[in-house]
Amino acid sequence: MNELILYLIKEYHTAVMHTLTISTIIAVWVVICGCIRFGIAVYRRAKGIYPPAESLREGH
């Protein structure tokens, strides 16, 4: 039991760093995909391909 606790204390820093690294990679991926999606929507809206939202239409 004592060896297990010592091992966990020794490897804690590595586990935390790996968790933070994976979390950062996922967050960056979500941000990049969101920017691409938003950019496509802005481009389509500027070209008139993408209809405006329901709340922006006349007579709504």
C-alpha atoms as a PDB file:
ATOM      1  CA  MET A   1       0.000   0.000   0.000  1.00  0.00           C
ATOM      2  CA  ASN A   2       2.810   2.347   0.874  1.00  0.00           C
ATOM      3  CA  GLU A   3       4.533   1.674  -2.462  1.00  0.00           C
ATOM      4  CA  LEU A   4       1.310   2.436  -4.337  1.00  0.00           C
ATOM      5  CA  ILE A   5       0.954   5.810  -2.622  1.00  0.00           C
ATOM      6  CA  LEU A   6       4.579   6.685  -3.330  1.00  0.00           C
ATOM      7  CA  TYR A   7       4.154   5.682  -6.988  1.00  0.00           C
ATOM      8  CA  LEU A   8       1.009   7.823  -7.356  1.00  0.00           C
ATOM      9  CA  ILE A   9       2.729  10.808  -5.778  1.00  0.00           C
ATOM     10  CA  LYS A  10       5.739  10.371  -8.077  1.00  0.00           C
ATOM     11  CA  GLU A  11       3.639  10.045 -11.255  1.00  0.00           C
ATOM     12  CA  TYR A  12       1.003  12.668 -10.333  1.00  0.00           C
ATOM     13  CA  HIS A  13       2.752  15.472 -12.226  1.00  0.00           C
ATOM     14  CA  THR A  14       2.932  13.397 -15.407  1.00  0.00           C
ATOM     15  CA  ALA A  15      -0.740  12.424 -15.207  1.00  0.00           C
ATOM     16  CA  VAL A  16      -1.807  16.038 -14.688  1.00  0.00           C
ATOM     17  CA  MET A  17       0.341  17.265 -17.571  1.00  0.00           C
ATOM     18  CA  HIS A  18      -1.033  14.622 -19.937  1.00  0.00           C
ATOM     19  CA  THR A  19      -4.609  15.439 -18.905  1.00  0.00           C
ATOM     20  CA  LEU A  20      -4.041  19.150 -19.488  1.00  0.00           C
ATOM     21  CA  THR A  21      -2.362  18.481 -22.837  1.00  0.00           C
ATOM     22  CA  ILE A  22      -5.238  16.330 -24.075  1.00  0.00           C
ATOM     23  CA  SER A  23      -7.785  18.886 -22.823  1.00  0.00           C
ATOM     24  CA  THR A  24      -5.927  21.670 -24.615  1.00  0.00           C
ATOM     25  CA  ILE A  25      -5.809  19.714 -27.876  1.00  0.00           C
ATOM     26  CA  ILE A  26      -9.564  19.068 -27.698  1.00  0.00           C
ATOM     27  CA  ALA A  27     -10.308  22.728 -26.899  1.00  0.00           C
ATOM     28  CA  VAL A  28      -8.143  23.949 -29.791  1.00  0.00           C
ATOM     29  CA  TRP A  29      -9.872  21.512 -32.166  1.00  0.00           C
ATOM     30  CA  VAL A  30     -13.312  22.783 -31.093  1.00  0.00           C
ATOM     31  CA  VAL A  31     -12.225  26.414 -31.548  1.00  0.00           C
ATOM     32  CA  ILE A  32     -10.769  25.759 -35.011  1.00  0.00           C
ATOM     33  CA  CYS A  33     -13.888  23.877 -36.150  1.00  0.00           C
ATOM     34  CA  GLY A  34     -16.099  26.650 -34.767  1.00  0.00           C
ATOM     35  CA  CYS A  35     -14.118  29.325 -36.585  1.00  0.00           C
ATOM     36  CA  ILE A  36     -14.328  27.398 -39.849  1.00  0.00           C
ATOM     37  CA  ARG A  37     -18.073  26.882 -39.436  1.00  0.00           C
ATOM     38  CA  PHE A  38     -18.637  30.539 -38.548  1.00  0.00           C
ATOM     39  CA  GLY A  39     -16.482  31.661 -41.480  1.00  0.00           C
ATOM     40  CA  ILE A  40     -18.466  29.511 -43.898  1.00  0.00           C
ATOM     41  CA  ALA A  41     -21.733  30.931 -42.527  1.00  0.00           C
ATOM     42  CA  VAL A  42     -20.474  34.514 -42.916  1.00  0.00           C
ATOM     43  CA  TYR A  43     -19.294  33.785 -46.467  1.00  0.00           C
ATOM     44  CA  ARG A  44     -22.604  32.175 -47.437  1.00  0.00           C
ATOM     45  CA  ARG A  45     -24.600  34.983 -45.843  1.00  0.00           C
ATOM     46  CA  ALA A  46     -22.529  37.589 -47.739  1.00  0.00           C
ATOM     47  CA  LYS A  47     -23.052  35.719 -51.023  1.00  0.00           C
ATOM     48  CA  GLY A  48     -26.777  35.383 -50.355  1.00  0.00           C
ATOM     49  CA  ILE A  49     -26.669  31.597 -50.423  1.00  0.00           C
ATOM     50  CA  TYR A  50     -27.542  31.270 -46.768  1.00  0.00           C
ATOM     51  CA  PRO A  51     -31.007  32.499 -45.750  1.00  0.00           C
ATOM     52  CA  PRO A  52     -31.240  34.779 -42.717  1.00  0.00           C
ATOM     53  CA  ALA A  53     -32.488  33.462 -39.407  1.00  0.00           C
ATOM     54  CA  GLU A  54     -36.249  33.142 -38.843  1.00  0.00           C
ATOM     55  CA  SER A  55     -36.261  36.101 -36.467  1.00  0.00           C
ATOM     56  CA  LEU A  56     -34.689  38.373 -39.107  1.00  0.00           C
ATOM     57  CA  ARG A  57     -37.246  37.649 -41.819  1.00  0.00           C
ATOM     58  CA  GLU A  58     -40.005  40.126 -42.596  1.00  0.00           C
ATOM     59  CA  GLY A  59     -43.465  39.278 -41.366  1.00  0.00           C
ATOM     60  CA  HIS A  60     -42.244  37.024 -38.623  1.00  0.00           C
END
